[in-house]
Every structure is written in structure tokens, then in C-alpha cells.
Amino acid sequence: MAVNPLRPTDDAARALAREVMQGARFAALATLTEAGHPMQSRVAFALDATGAPISLVSTLAPHTQALQHRPQVSLLVGEPGEKGDPLTHPRLSLNGVAMILPNTGPAHEEMAAHYLRSHPKAKLYIGFGDFHFIRFQITQGFLNAGFGKAFQLSAADLGLAP
């Protein structure tokens, strides 16, 4: 009989998952190429004004082109600390669907102003015509809070609308 490694999701796990998301500035983005091969890229990561995960990407990038064919994604956020075993530090996998947003209009300008607070160096390229925001609609998350501390979280657990 297989042992379920997941613990029941509790308020401490929910709070830690949200803390990991709020502290993340970069993520590993996993996409599927048009041929169906997995591909990972490091992307900038932020939360929009509603708390939803976003990134700013170029449509010229292979990961963005992959998203145009298959919007399913997985993001890994959470960096190892400076000391100790990297596997003891919390990390969060987020699964969902990516939506490439228009890069014109008031909604884009508001998102850009919010995004630049956490990624000020993006000011160098945020206005380029090939750069767009991606909003990630997260359906579930998996929190690894260290050895023996694994949790599955819903969008609601993460404070995200389902």
C-alpha cells in the first residue's frame, strides 16, 4: 500500500505558500513546445494588484511561442536560502494556464506601473512592442515546505479566484 506523502492542508501551509509567492522575483516556467516537448525558462515573477501571478515576456522568446500553442504551464517559485541544505527551504509549484495580455491601453499601463515597483530594471524594455504581460490562472499548487512537509493547495488556498 502506497503512503500518501501529502499532509492535510492547513492555515500554516496556506500562509507559507502565499509568503513564497509574495517574496518571489523569478520563477522557473515550464511549457510544452509545439512538438510536445517540455521546456523550462527562468522568467521574472510578480503578483499583480489582485495577487495573481504575472510575468513580462517577449513574444520572440521560445517559451512565449510555446504558450501561444499550449497555454498550460507550471511555475516553480522559491529560492534556497544562503545557508543549509537547499532542499530544506520552501518552494511552491503552481499549475495553470497562461493568458498573454494586450500591451496597450489603460489596463496595461496600470499593470506596468505596479510591476515596475518590484522589477524597476524592466523599465528598459517594458515599452518594447514585443513585450507583453502574462497572467497565470492558477488551478492548483504543491508546496514543499521541507522534508516531510508537502501540501496540495487549491486556487482558493492560495488566495486566488478559482
N, C-alpha and C. Protein backbone atom coordinates (compact mmCIF):
# COMPACT_ATOMS: atom_id res chain seq x y z
N MET A 1 0.84 -1.18 0.00
CA MET A 1 0.00 0.00 0.00
C MET A 1 0.89 1.24 0.00
N ALA A 2 0.62 2.16 -0.95
CA ALA A 2 1.41 3.38 -1.06
C ALA A 2 1.04 4.37 0.04
N VAL A 3 2.04 5.05 0.53
CA VAL A 3 1.84 6.05 1.57
C VAL A 3 1.64 7.41 0.89
N ASN A 4 0.63 8.14 1.29
CA ASN A 4 0.39 9.47 0.75
C ASN A 4 1.35 10.45 1.44
N PRO A 5 2.26 11.07 0.66
CA PRO A 5 3.23 11.98 1.27
C PRO A 5 2.66 13.37 1.60
N LEU A 6 1.44 13.62 1.14
CA LEU A 6 0.84 14.94 1.35
C LEU A 6 0.18 15.02 2.72
N ARG A 7 0.43 16.12 3.41
CA ARG A 7 -0.23 16.39 4.68
C ARG A 7 -1.54 17.12 4.40
N PRO A 8 -2.46 17.07 5.33
CA PRO A 8 -3.68 17.87 5.16
C PRO A 8 -3.31 19.36 5.11
N THR A 9 -3.89 20.07 4.16
CA THR A 9 -3.61 21.50 4.02
C THR A 9 -4.20 22.26 5.20
N ASP A 10 -3.37 23.08 5.83
CA ASP A 10 -3.82 23.85 6.98
C ASP A 10 -3.48 25.33 6.77
N ASP A 11 -3.87 26.14 7.73
CA ASP A 11 -3.65 27.59 7.61
C ASP A 11 -2.16 27.94 7.53
N ALA A 12 -1.31 27.20 8.23
CA ALA A 12 0.13 27.48 8.17
C ALA A 12 0.67 27.21 6.78
N ALA A 13 0.21 26.14 6.13
CA ALA A 13 0.65 25.84 4.76
C ALA A 13 0.15 26.91 3.80
N ARG A 14 -1.09 27.34 3.96
CA ARG A 14 -1.64 28.39 3.10
C ARG A 14 -0.83 29.68 3.26
N ALA A 15 -0.53 30.05 4.49
CA ALA A 15 0.22 31.28 4.75
C ALA A 15 1.63 31.19 4.17
N LEU A 16 2.29 30.05 4.33
CA LEU A 16 3.64 29.90 3.80
C LEU A 16 3.63 29.94 2.28
N ALA A 17 2.66 29.31 1.64
CA ALA A 17 2.58 29.34 0.18
C ALA A 17 2.41 30.78 -0.32
N ARG A 18 1.55 31.54 0.33
CA ARG A 18 1.36 32.94 -0.07
C ARG A 18 2.63 33.76 0.16
N GLU A 19 3.32 33.47 1.25
CA GLU A 19 4.58 34.16 1.54
C GLU A 19 5.63 33.86 0.47
N VAL A 20 5.72 32.61 0.04
CA VAL A 20 6.66 32.24 -1.01
C VAL A 20 6.33 32.99 -2.30
N MET A 21 5.04 33.05 -2.65
CA MET A 21 4.64 33.78 -3.87
C MET A 21 4.97 35.26 -3.75
N GLN A 22 4.67 35.86 -2.61
CA GLN A 22 4.91 37.30 -2.43
C GLN A 22 6.39 37.65 -2.46
N GLY A 23 7.23 36.73 -2.02
CA GLY A 23 8.67 37.00 -1.99
C GLY A 23 9.40 36.66 -3.28
N ALA A 24 8.74 35.98 -4.18
CA ALA A 24 9.40 35.53 -5.42
C ALA A 24 9.58 36.68 -6.41
N ARG A 25 10.74 36.75 -7.00
CA ARG A 25 11.02 37.73 -8.06
C ARG A 25 11.31 37.05 -9.40
N PHE A 26 11.55 35.74 -9.32
CA PHE A 26 11.82 34.95 -10.52
C PHE A 26 11.15 33.59 -10.35
N ALA A 27 10.93 32.91 -11.46
CA ALA A 27 10.33 31.58 -11.43
C ALA A 27 10.91 30.74 -12.54
N ALA A 28 10.87 29.44 -12.37
CA ALA A 28 11.14 28.52 -13.46
C ALA A 28 9.78 28.25 -14.11
N LEU A 29 9.68 28.58 -15.38
CA LEU A 29 8.44 28.40 -16.14
C LEU A 29 8.58 27.18 -17.02
N ALA A 30 7.69 26.22 -16.84
CA ALA A 30 7.68 25.02 -17.68
C ALA A 30 6.53 25.13 -18.67
N THR A 31 6.85 24.94 -19.94
CA THR A 31 5.87 24.97 -21.01
C THR A 31 6.05 23.72 -21.86
N LEU A 32 5.15 23.54 -22.81
CA LEU A 32 5.27 22.46 -23.78
C LEU A 32 5.46 23.06 -25.16
N THR A 33 6.47 22.62 -25.87
CA THR A 33 6.71 23.13 -27.21
C THR A 33 5.61 22.63 -28.14
N GLU A 34 5.58 23.18 -29.34
CA GLU A 34 4.59 22.76 -30.33
C GLU A 34 4.71 21.26 -30.61
N ALA A 35 5.92 20.72 -30.53
CA ALA A 35 6.15 19.30 -30.75
C ALA A 35 5.82 18.47 -29.50
N GLY A 36 5.45 19.12 -28.40
CA GLY A 36 5.07 18.41 -27.19
C GLY A 36 6.19 18.15 -26.20
N HIS A 37 7.36 18.75 -26.43
CA HIS A 37 8.48 18.55 -25.52
C HIS A 37 8.43 19.57 -24.38
N PRO A 38 8.75 19.15 -23.16
CA PRO A 38 8.80 20.11 -22.06
C PRO A 38 10.00 21.04 -22.23
N MET A 39 9.80 22.29 -21.82
CA MET A 39 10.86 23.29 -21.88
C MET A 39 10.74 24.17 -20.65
N GLN A 40 11.87 24.49 -20.04
CA GLN A 40 11.85 25.37 -18.87
C GLN A 40 12.66 26.62 -19.17
N SER A 41 12.20 27.72 -18.61
CA SER A 41 12.88 29.00 -18.74
C SER A 41 12.80 29.72 -17.42
N ARG A 42 13.78 30.53 -17.14
CA ARG A 42 13.70 31.41 -15.97
C ARG A 42 13.04 32.69 -16.44
N VAL A 43 12.00 33.09 -15.72
CA VAL A 43 11.27 34.31 -16.07
C VAL A 43 11.13 35.17 -14.81
N ALA A 44 10.91 36.45 -15.04
CA ALA A 44 10.59 37.35 -13.93
C ALA A 44 9.20 36.96 -13.42
N PHE A 45 9.00 37.13 -12.11
CA PHE A 45 7.74 36.75 -11.48
C PHE A 45 7.29 37.88 -10.58
N ALA A 46 6.00 38.16 -10.62
CA ALA A 46 5.42 39.17 -9.74
C ALA A 46 3.96 38.81 -9.52
N LEU A 47 3.35 39.52 -8.61
CA LEU A 47 1.92 39.42 -8.40
C LEU A 47 1.29 40.72 -8.85
N ASP A 48 0.17 40.65 -9.55
CA ASP A 48 -0.50 41.88 -9.96
C ASP A 48 -1.24 42.47 -8.76
N ALA A 49 -1.96 43.54 -8.98
CA ALA A 49 -2.64 44.24 -7.88
C ALA A 49 -3.68 43.37 -7.19
N THR A 50 -4.18 42.33 -7.87
CA THR A 50 -5.16 41.43 -7.27
C THR A 50 -4.51 40.23 -6.59
N GLY A 51 -3.19 40.09 -6.73
CA GLY A 51 -2.47 38.97 -6.14
C GLY A 51 -2.25 37.81 -7.09
N ALA A 52 -2.67 37.97 -8.36
CA ALA A 52 -2.48 36.90 -9.35
C ALA A 52 -1.05 36.93 -9.89
N PRO A 53 -0.45 35.77 -10.12
CA PRO A 53 0.91 35.72 -10.68
C PRO A 53 0.95 36.24 -12.11
N ILE A 54 1.99 37.02 -12.39
CA ILE A 54 2.20 37.57 -13.73
C ILE A 54 3.68 37.50 -14.08
N SER A 55 3.96 37.68 -15.35
CA SER A 55 5.33 37.83 -15.82
C SER A 55 5.29 38.75 -17.03
N LEU A 56 6.42 39.33 -17.34
CA LEU A 56 6.58 40.17 -18.53
C LEU A 56 7.52 39.42 -19.46
N VAL A 57 7.03 39.10 -20.66
CA VAL A 57 7.81 38.27 -21.57
C VAL A 57 7.79 38.85 -22.98
N SER A 58 8.78 38.47 -23.75
CA SER A 58 8.85 38.85 -25.15
C SER A 58 8.16 37.78 -25.99
N THR A 59 7.40 38.20 -26.98
CA THR A 59 6.76 37.25 -27.89
C THR A 59 7.80 36.56 -28.79
N LEU A 60 9.02 37.07 -28.78
CA LEU A 60 10.09 36.44 -29.56
C LEU A 60 10.70 35.25 -28.83
N ALA A 61 10.47 35.14 -27.53
CA ALA A 61 11.06 34.07 -26.73
C ALA A 61 10.39 32.73 -27.01
N PRO A 62 11.18 31.66 -27.06
CA PRO A 62 10.60 30.34 -27.31
C PRO A 62 9.51 29.94 -26.31
N HIS A 63 9.66 30.31 -25.03
CA HIS A 63 8.63 29.92 -24.07
C HIS A 63 7.30 30.64 -24.34
N THR A 64 7.37 31.88 -24.81
CA THR A 64 6.14 32.60 -25.14
C THR A 64 5.50 32.00 -26.39
N GLN A 65 6.31 31.64 -27.36
CA GLN A 65 5.78 30.99 -28.55
C GLN A 65 5.13 29.65 -28.20
N ALA A 66 5.72 28.92 -27.25
CA ALA A 66 5.13 27.66 -26.80
C ALA A 66 3.77 27.91 -26.16
N LEU A 67 3.66 28.99 -25.39
CA LEU A 67 2.40 29.31 -24.72
C LEU A 67 1.30 29.65 -25.72
N GLN A 68 1.68 30.18 -26.87
CA GLN A 68 0.68 30.51 -27.88
C GLN A 68 0.05 29.24 -28.46
N HIS A 69 0.77 28.13 -28.41
CA HIS A 69 0.24 26.85 -28.91
C HIS A 69 -0.42 26.04 -27.82
N ARG A 70 0.18 26.07 -26.64
CA ARG A 70 -0.33 25.30 -25.49
C ARG A 70 -0.18 26.17 -24.25
N PRO A 71 -1.28 26.70 -23.74
CA PRO A 71 -1.19 27.64 -22.62
C PRO A 71 -0.97 27.00 -21.25
N GLN A 72 -0.96 25.66 -21.17
CA GLN A 72 -0.75 25.01 -19.87
C GLN A 72 0.67 25.28 -19.39
N VAL A 73 0.79 25.62 -18.11
CA VAL A 73 2.09 25.95 -17.54
C VAL A 73 2.25 25.36 -16.15
N SER A 74 3.49 25.31 -15.75
CA SER A 74 3.84 25.06 -14.36
C SER A 74 4.95 26.03 -14.01
N LEU A 75 4.82 26.65 -12.86
CA LEU A 75 5.82 27.60 -12.36
C LEU A 75 6.40 27.05 -11.06
N LEU A 76 7.69 27.23 -10.88
CA LEU A 76 8.32 26.87 -9.62
C LEU A 76 8.90 28.15 -9.03
N VAL A 77 8.44 28.51 -7.83
CA VAL A 77 8.94 29.70 -7.14
C VAL A 77 9.51 29.29 -5.79
N GLY A 78 10.43 30.08 -5.31
CA GLY A 78 11.07 29.83 -4.02
C GLY A 78 12.54 29.55 -4.22
N GLU A 79 13.36 30.38 -3.66
CA GLU A 79 14.81 30.25 -3.79
C GLU A 79 15.41 29.65 -2.54
N PRO A 80 16.47 28.86 -2.68
CA PRO A 80 17.15 28.35 -1.49
C PRO A 80 17.75 29.49 -0.68
N GLY A 81 17.80 29.32 0.60
CA GLY A 81 18.43 30.32 1.46
C GLY A 81 19.94 30.27 1.33
N GLU A 82 20.60 31.21 1.97
CA GLU A 82 22.06 31.28 1.88
C GLU A 82 22.75 30.16 2.65
N LYS A 83 22.09 29.60 3.64
CA LYS A 83 22.72 28.57 4.47
C LYS A 83 21.87 27.31 4.46
N GLY A 84 22.51 26.22 4.75
CA GLY A 84 21.80 24.96 4.90
C GLY A 84 21.56 24.25 3.58
N ASP A 85 20.94 23.11 3.68
CA ASP A 85 20.60 22.29 2.53
C ASP A 85 19.51 22.98 1.72
N PRO A 86 19.73 23.20 0.43
CA PRO A 86 18.71 23.86 -0.40
C PRO A 86 17.36 23.16 -0.39
N LEU A 87 17.36 21.85 -0.15
CA LEU A 87 16.10 21.11 -0.17
C LEU A 87 15.27 21.30 1.10
N THR A 88 15.80 22.00 2.08
CA THR A 88 15.02 22.26 3.29
C THR A 88 14.27 23.58 3.20
N HIS A 89 14.52 24.36 2.16
CA HIS A 89 13.85 25.66 2.00
C HIS A 89 12.55 25.49 1.23
N PRO A 90 11.53 26.26 1.58
CA PRO A 90 10.23 26.08 0.92
C PRO A 90 10.26 26.48 -0.55
N ARG A 91 9.49 25.72 -1.33
CA ARG A 91 9.29 26.04 -2.74
C ARG A 91 7.88 25.62 -3.11
N LEU A 92 7.37 26.29 -4.13
CA LEU A 92 5.96 26.14 -4.49
C LEU A 92 5.85 25.94 -6.00
N SER A 93 5.21 24.84 -6.39
CA SER A 93 4.90 24.61 -7.80
C SER A 93 3.47 25.06 -8.04
N LEU A 94 3.27 25.83 -9.09
CA LEU A 94 1.94 26.35 -9.43
C LEU A 94 1.57 25.84 -10.82
N ASN A 95 0.41 25.22 -10.95
CA ASN A 95 -0.05 24.72 -12.24
C ASN A 95 -1.26 25.53 -12.69
N GLY A 96 -1.32 25.78 -13.99
CA GLY A 96 -2.45 26.53 -14.51
C GLY A 96 -2.33 26.80 -15.98
N VAL A 97 -2.93 27.91 -16.38
CA VAL A 97 -2.99 28.31 -17.78
C VAL A 97 -2.51 29.76 -17.88
N ALA A 98 -1.74 30.03 -18.93
CA ALA A 98 -1.21 31.38 -19.16
C ALA A 98 -2.07 32.13 -20.17
N MET A 99 -2.32 33.39 -19.87
CA MET A 99 -3.02 34.27 -20.81
C MET A 99 -2.10 35.42 -21.17
N ILE A 100 -1.81 35.58 -22.46
CA ILE A 100 -0.99 36.69 -22.93
C ILE A 100 -1.92 37.89 -23.07
N LEU A 101 -1.57 38.99 -22.40
CA LEU A 101 -2.44 40.16 -22.36
C LEU A 101 -2.01 41.21 -23.38
N PRO A 102 -2.94 42.02 -23.87
CA PRO A 102 -2.58 43.10 -24.79
C PRO A 102 -1.60 44.07 -24.13
N ASN A 103 -0.68 44.62 -24.93
CA ASN A 103 0.31 45.53 -24.36
C ASN A 103 -0.02 47.00 -24.64
N THR A 104 -1.29 47.29 -24.77
CA THR A 104 -1.73 48.68 -24.94
C THR A 104 -2.95 48.92 -24.05
N GLY A 105 -3.22 50.18 -23.81
CA GLY A 105 -4.42 50.55 -23.08
C GLY A 105 -4.17 50.79 -21.60
N PRO A 106 -5.18 51.32 -20.93
CA PRO A 106 -5.07 51.66 -19.50
C PRO A 106 -4.75 50.47 -18.60
N ALA A 107 -5.31 49.30 -18.90
CA ALA A 107 -5.05 48.12 -18.05
C ALA A 107 -3.57 47.75 -18.10
N HIS A 108 -2.97 47.85 -19.28
CA HIS A 108 -1.54 47.54 -19.42
C HIS A 108 -0.72 48.59 -18.66
N GLU A 109 -1.08 49.83 -18.77
CA GLU A 109 -0.34 50.90 -18.09
C GLU A 109 -0.40 50.74 -16.58
N GLU A 110 -1.56 50.38 -16.05
CA GLU A 110 -1.69 50.16 -14.61
C GLU A 110 -0.85 48.97 -14.16
N MET A 111 -0.90 47.89 -14.95
CA MET A 111 -0.12 46.71 -14.61
C MET A 111 1.37 47.02 -14.68
N ALA A 112 1.78 47.79 -15.68
CA ALA A 112 3.18 48.16 -15.84
C ALA A 112 3.67 48.97 -14.63
N ALA A 113 2.88 49.94 -14.19
CA ALA A 113 3.26 50.76 -13.05
C ALA A 113 3.41 49.89 -11.80
N HIS A 114 2.48 48.97 -11.61
CA HIS A 114 2.55 48.07 -10.45
C HIS A 114 3.77 47.15 -10.55
N TYR A 115 4.01 46.58 -11.73
CA TYR A 115 5.11 45.64 -11.96
C TYR A 115 6.47 46.30 -11.74
N LEU A 116 6.60 47.54 -12.18
CA LEU A 116 7.89 48.24 -12.07
C LEU A 116 8.29 48.51 -10.62
N ARG A 117 7.35 48.46 -9.70
CA ARG A 117 7.71 48.63 -8.29
C ARG A 117 8.57 47.47 -7.80
N SER A 118 8.31 46.26 -8.31
CA SER A 118 9.10 45.11 -7.88
C SER A 118 10.21 44.76 -8.87
N HIS A 119 10.12 45.24 -10.10
CA HIS A 119 11.12 44.96 -11.14
C HIS A 119 11.50 46.26 -11.86
N PRO A 120 12.15 47.19 -11.15
CA PRO A 120 12.42 48.51 -11.74
C PRO A 120 13.32 48.45 -12.99
N LYS A 121 14.19 47.47 -13.10
CA LYS A 121 15.07 47.39 -14.28
C LYS A 121 14.31 47.06 -15.55
N ALA A 122 13.09 46.56 -15.42
CA ALA A 122 12.26 46.25 -16.59
C ALA A 122 11.86 47.52 -17.34
N LYS A 123 12.08 48.67 -16.73
CA LYS A 123 11.76 49.94 -17.40
C LYS A 123 12.53 50.07 -18.72
N LEU A 124 13.66 49.39 -18.82
CA LEU A 124 14.48 49.45 -20.03
C LEU A 124 13.78 48.84 -21.24
N TYR A 125 12.88 47.87 -21.03
CA TYR A 125 12.29 47.15 -22.16
C TYR A 125 10.77 46.98 -22.08
N ILE A 126 10.15 47.44 -21.01
CA ILE A 126 8.72 47.22 -20.83
C ILE A 126 7.88 47.86 -21.95
N GLY A 127 8.40 48.89 -22.59
CA GLY A 127 7.67 49.56 -23.65
C GLY A 127 7.92 49.00 -25.04
N PHE A 128 8.81 48.03 -25.16
CA PHE A 128 9.07 47.43 -26.47
C PHE A 128 7.80 46.74 -26.97
N GLY A 129 7.56 46.80 -28.26
CA GLY A 129 6.33 46.26 -28.85
C GLY A 129 6.15 44.76 -28.70
N ASP A 130 7.25 44.03 -28.54
CA ASP A 130 7.13 42.57 -28.43
C ASP A 130 6.95 42.10 -26.99
N PHE A 131 6.96 43.01 -26.01
CA PHE A 131 6.81 42.61 -24.62
C PHE A 131 5.35 42.70 -24.18
N HIS A 132 4.89 41.63 -23.56
CA HIS A 132 3.52 41.52 -23.08
C HIS A 132 3.54 40.94 -21.67
N PHE A 133 2.51 41.27 -20.92
CA PHE A 133 2.31 40.61 -19.65
C PHE A 133 1.59 39.30 -19.88
N ILE A 134 1.93 38.35 -19.05
CA ILE A 134 1.20 37.08 -18.99
C ILE A 134 0.60 37.00 -17.60
N ARG A 135 -0.68 36.70 -17.55
CA ARG A 135 -1.33 36.43 -16.27
C ARG A 135 -1.53 34.93 -16.20
N PHE A 136 -1.15 34.36 -15.08
CA PHE A 136 -1.28 32.93 -14.88
C PHE A 136 -2.54 32.65 -14.07
N GLN A 137 -3.46 31.89 -14.64
CA GLN A 137 -4.65 31.45 -13.91
C GLN A 137 -4.28 30.12 -13.26
N ILE A 138 -4.04 30.18 -11.98
CA ILE A 138 -3.56 29.02 -11.24
C ILE A 138 -4.73 28.14 -10.81
N THR A 139 -4.60 26.85 -11.07
CA THR A 139 -5.65 25.90 -10.67
C THR A 139 -5.26 25.11 -9.44
N GLN A 140 -3.95 24.90 -9.23
CA GLN A 140 -3.51 24.18 -8.05
C GLN A 140 -2.05 24.46 -7.78
N GLY A 141 -1.67 24.20 -6.55
CA GLY A 141 -0.29 24.38 -6.15
C GLY A 141 0.18 23.21 -5.30
N PHE A 142 1.48 23.02 -5.30
CA PHE A 142 2.11 22.00 -4.46
C PHE A 142 3.22 22.67 -3.69
N LEU A 143 3.09 22.70 -2.38
CA LEU A 143 4.06 23.32 -1.50
C LEU A 143 4.94 22.25 -0.89
N ASN A 144 6.24 22.41 -1.06
CA ASN A 144 7.20 21.58 -0.35
C ASN A 144 7.84 22.51 0.67
N ALA A 145 7.48 22.32 1.93
CA ALA A 145 7.96 23.20 3.00
C ALA A 145 9.18 22.63 3.70
N GLY A 146 9.80 21.64 3.10
CA GLY A 146 10.96 20.97 3.69
C GLY A 146 10.67 19.48 3.78
N PHE A 147 11.64 18.72 4.26
CA PHE A 147 11.49 17.27 4.31
C PHE A 147 10.25 16.86 5.09
N GLY A 148 9.41 16.05 4.44
CA GLY A 148 8.21 15.53 5.09
C GLY A 148 7.09 16.54 5.26
N LYS A 149 7.18 17.66 4.58
CA LYS A 149 6.17 18.72 4.72
C LYS A 149 5.66 19.12 3.35
N ALA A 150 4.83 18.29 2.75
CA ALA A 150 4.29 18.54 1.41
C ALA A 150 2.78 18.73 1.50
N PHE A 151 2.28 19.68 0.72
CA PHE A 151 0.86 20.04 0.74
C PHE A 151 0.38 20.30 -0.68
N GLN A 152 -0.85 19.90 -0.95
CA GLN A 152 -1.52 20.27 -2.19
C GLN A 152 -2.47 21.41 -1.86
N LEU A 153 -2.47 22.46 -2.70
CA LEU A 153 -3.29 23.63 -2.44
C LEU A 153 -4.16 23.94 -3.64
N SER A 154 -5.36 24.39 -3.36
CA SER A 154 -6.25 24.85 -4.41
C SER A 154 -5.99 26.32 -4.71
N ALA A 155 -6.61 26.82 -5.76
CA ALA A 155 -6.50 28.25 -6.05
C ALA A 155 -7.02 29.07 -4.87
N ALA A 156 -8.09 28.63 -4.26
CA ALA A 156 -8.64 29.34 -3.09
C ALA A 156 -7.67 29.33 -1.92
N ASP A 157 -6.97 28.20 -1.71
CA ASP A 157 -5.96 28.13 -0.65
C ASP A 157 -4.88 29.17 -0.86
N LEU A 158 -4.57 29.46 -2.13
CA LEU A 158 -3.52 30.42 -2.48
C LEU A 158 -4.03 31.86 -2.50
N GLY A 159 -5.30 32.05 -2.22
CA GLY A 159 -5.87 33.39 -2.25
C GLY A 159 -6.19 33.85 -3.66
N LEU A 160 -6.33 32.91 -4.58
CA LEU A 160 -6.59 33.22 -5.98
C LEU A 160 -8.00 32.76 -6.34
N ALA A 161 -8.68 33.53 -7.13
CA ALA A 161 -10.02 33.14 -7.55
C ALA A 161 -9.93 31.89 -8.41
N PRO A 162 -10.81 30.90 -8.15
CA PRO A 162 -10.75 29.66 -8.93
C PRO A 162 -11.17 29.86 -10.37
